[in-house]
C-alpha atoms as a PDB file:
ATOM      1  CA  UNK A   1     -22.244   6.048  -5.325  1.00  0.00           C
ATOM      2  CA  UNK A   2     -22.830   8.763  -7.891  1.00  0.00           C
ATOM      3  CA  UNK A   3     -20.469  11.684  -7.634  1.00  0.00           C
ATOM      4  CA  UNK A   4     -21.979  15.151  -7.920  1.00  0.00           C
ATOM      5  CA  UNK A   5     -20.861  16.891 -11.060  1.00  0.00           C
ATOM      6  CA  UNK A   6     -19.756  20.494 -11.113  1.00  0.00           C
ATOM      7  CA  UNK A   7     -18.848  22.832 -13.894  1.00  0.00           C
ATOM      8  CA  UNK A   8     -15.177  23.000 -12.890  1.00  0.00           C
ATOM      9  CA  UNK A   9     -14.139  19.777 -14.634  1.00  0.00           C
ATOM     10  CA  UNK A  10     -12.334  18.558 -11.530  1.00  0.00           C
ATOM     11  CA  UNK A  11     -15.024  16.016 -10.635  1.00  0.00           C
ATOM     12  CA  UNK A  12     -13.673  13.536 -13.160  1.00  0.00           C
ATOM     13  CA  UNK A  13     -10.350  13.620 -11.295  1.00  0.00           C
ATOM     14  CA  UNK A  14     -12.177  12.942  -8.024  1.00  0.00           C
ATOM     15  CA  UNK A  15     -14.028  10.047  -9.647  1.00  0.00           C
ATOM     16  CA  UNK A  16     -10.722   8.678 -10.917  1.00  0.00           C
ATOM     17  CA  UNK A  17      -9.204   9.047  -7.452  1.00  0.00           C
ATOM     18  CA  UNK A  18     -12.122   7.194  -5.858  1.00  0.00           C
ATOM     19  CA  UNK A  19     -11.829   4.437  -8.471  1.00  0.00           C
ATOM     20  CA  UNK A  20      -8.187   3.820  -7.556  1.00  0.00           C
ATOM     21  CA  UNK A  21      -8.884   4.020  -3.837  1.00  0.00           C
ATOM     22  CA  UNK A  22     -11.633   1.397  -4.186  1.00  0.00           C
ATOM     23  CA  UNK A  23      -9.110  -0.859  -5.915  1.00  0.00           C
ATOM     24  CA  UNK A  24      -6.661  -0.259  -3.070  1.00  0.00           C
ATOM     25  CA  UNK A  25      -9.322  -1.303  -0.541  1.00  0.00           C
ATOM     26  CA  UNK A  26      -9.572  -4.667  -2.289  1.00  0.00           C
ATOM     27  CA  UNK A  27      -5.916  -5.252  -1.420  1.00  0.00           C
ATOM     28  CA  UNK A  28      -6.058  -3.781   2.088  1.00  0.00           C
ATOM     29  CA  UNK A  29      -9.680  -3.368   3.259  1.00  0.00           C
ATOM     30  CA  UNK A  30      -8.833  -1.620   6.537  1.00  0.00           C
ATOM     31  CA  UNK A  31      -6.105   0.715   5.249  1.00  0.00           C
ATOM     32  CA  UNK A  32      -6.576   3.891   7.268  1.00  0.00           C
ATOM     33  CA  UNK A  33      -4.771   6.071   4.745  1.00  0.00           C
ATOM     34  CA  UNK A  34      -6.998   4.867   1.904  1.00  0.00           C
ATOM     35  CA  UNK A  35     -10.216   5.267   3.885  1.00  0.00           C
ATOM     36  CA  UNK A  36      -9.150   8.733   5.042  1.00  0.00           C
ATOM     37  CA  UNK A  37      -8.253   9.787   1.513  1.00  0.00           C
ATOM     38  CA  UNK A  38     -11.613   8.546   0.264  1.00  0.00           C
ATOM     39  CA  UNK A  39     -13.385  10.449   3.028  1.00  0.00           C
ATOM     40  CA  UNK A  40     -11.524  13.617   2.146  1.00  0.00           C
ATOM     41  CA  UNK A  41     -12.322  13.185  -1.552  1.00  0.00           C
ATOM     42  CA  UNK A  42     -16.014  12.607  -0.855  1.00  0.00           C
ATOM     43  CA  UNK A  43     -16.029  15.738   1.317  1.00  0.00           C
ATOM     44  CA  UNK A  44     -14.446  17.752  -1.494  1.00  0.00           C
ATOM     45  CA  UNK A  45     -17.248  16.788  -3.855  1.00  0.00           C
ATOM     46  CA  UNK A  46     -19.932  17.494  -1.275  1.00  0.00           C
ATOM     47  CA  UNK A  47     -20.870  13.892  -0.414  1.00  0.00           C
ATOM     48  CA  UNK A  48     -20.566  14.542   3.286  1.00  0.00           C
ATOM     49  CA  UNK A  49     -22.482  11.545   4.636  1.00  0.00           C
ATOM     50  CA  UNK A  50     -20.348   9.184   2.529  1.00  0.00           C
ATOM     51  CA  UNK A  51     -17.233  11.024   3.718  1.00  0.00           C
ATOM     52  CA  UNK A  52     -18.269  10.537   7.342  1.00  0.00           C
ATOM     53  CA  UNK A  53     -18.919   6.842   6.674  1.00  0.00           C
ATOM     54  CA  UNK A  54     -15.371   6.471   5.336  1.00  0.00           C
ATOM     55  CA  UNK A  55     -13.887   8.284   8.329  1.00  0.00           C
ATOM     56  CA  UNK A  56     -15.859   6.094  10.739  1.00  0.00           C
ATOM     57  CA  UNK A  57     -14.410   2.968   9.115  1.00  0.00           C
ATOM     58  CA  UNK A  58     -10.887   4.045  10.026  1.00  0.00           C
ATOM     59  CA  UNK A  59      -9.648   1.932  12.923  1.00  0.00           C
ATOM     60  CA  UNK A  60      -7.474   3.591  15.491  1.00  0.00           C
ATOM     61  CA  UNK A  61      -4.264   1.809  16.431  1.00  0.00           C
ATOM     62  CA  UNK A  62      -4.471   0.172  19.865  1.00  0.00           C
ATOM     63  CA  UNK A  63      -2.201   2.808  21.403  1.00  0.00           C
ATOM     64  CA  UNK A  64      -4.499   5.636  20.314  1.00  0.00           C
ATOM     65  CA  UNK A  65      -7.728   3.904  21.261  1.00  0.00           C
ATOM     66  CA  UNK A  66      -6.319   3.310  24.743  1.00  0.00           C
ATOM     67  CA  UNK A  67      -5.585   7.021  25.045  1.00  0.00           C
ATOM     68  CA  UNK A  68      -9.249   7.771  24.441  1.00  0.00           C
ATOM     69  CA  UNK A  69     -10.536   5.314  27.041  1.00  0.00           C
ATOM     70  CA  UNK A  70      -8.084   5.846  29.878  1.00  0.00           C
ATOM     71  CA  UNK A  71      -7.161   8.978  31.728  1.00  0.00           C
ATOM     72  CA  UNK A  72      -3.518   9.854  31.855  1.00  0.00           C
ATOM     73  CA  UNK A  73      -2.046  10.452  35.279  1.00  0.00           C
ATOM     74  CA  UNK A  74       1.112  12.579  35.300  1.00  0.00           C
ATOM     75  CA  UNK A  75       4.092  11.015  37.026  1.00  0.00           C
END
């Protein structure tokens, strides 16, 4: 993935961040915090489709996924 370059000079920091996050994914491929951080970083640089891909890879914990599939009945 090529990161869009701007004139602000901050893109190199985003590239560096993405480099380290990719290394982190090697150690923990499904780490939600890493995938979310990568998605946020891609969004900051304007790579929105890649950001969305990262966010979609985040797995919800079982408790949260159950909340989305079942209706809650008050007691």
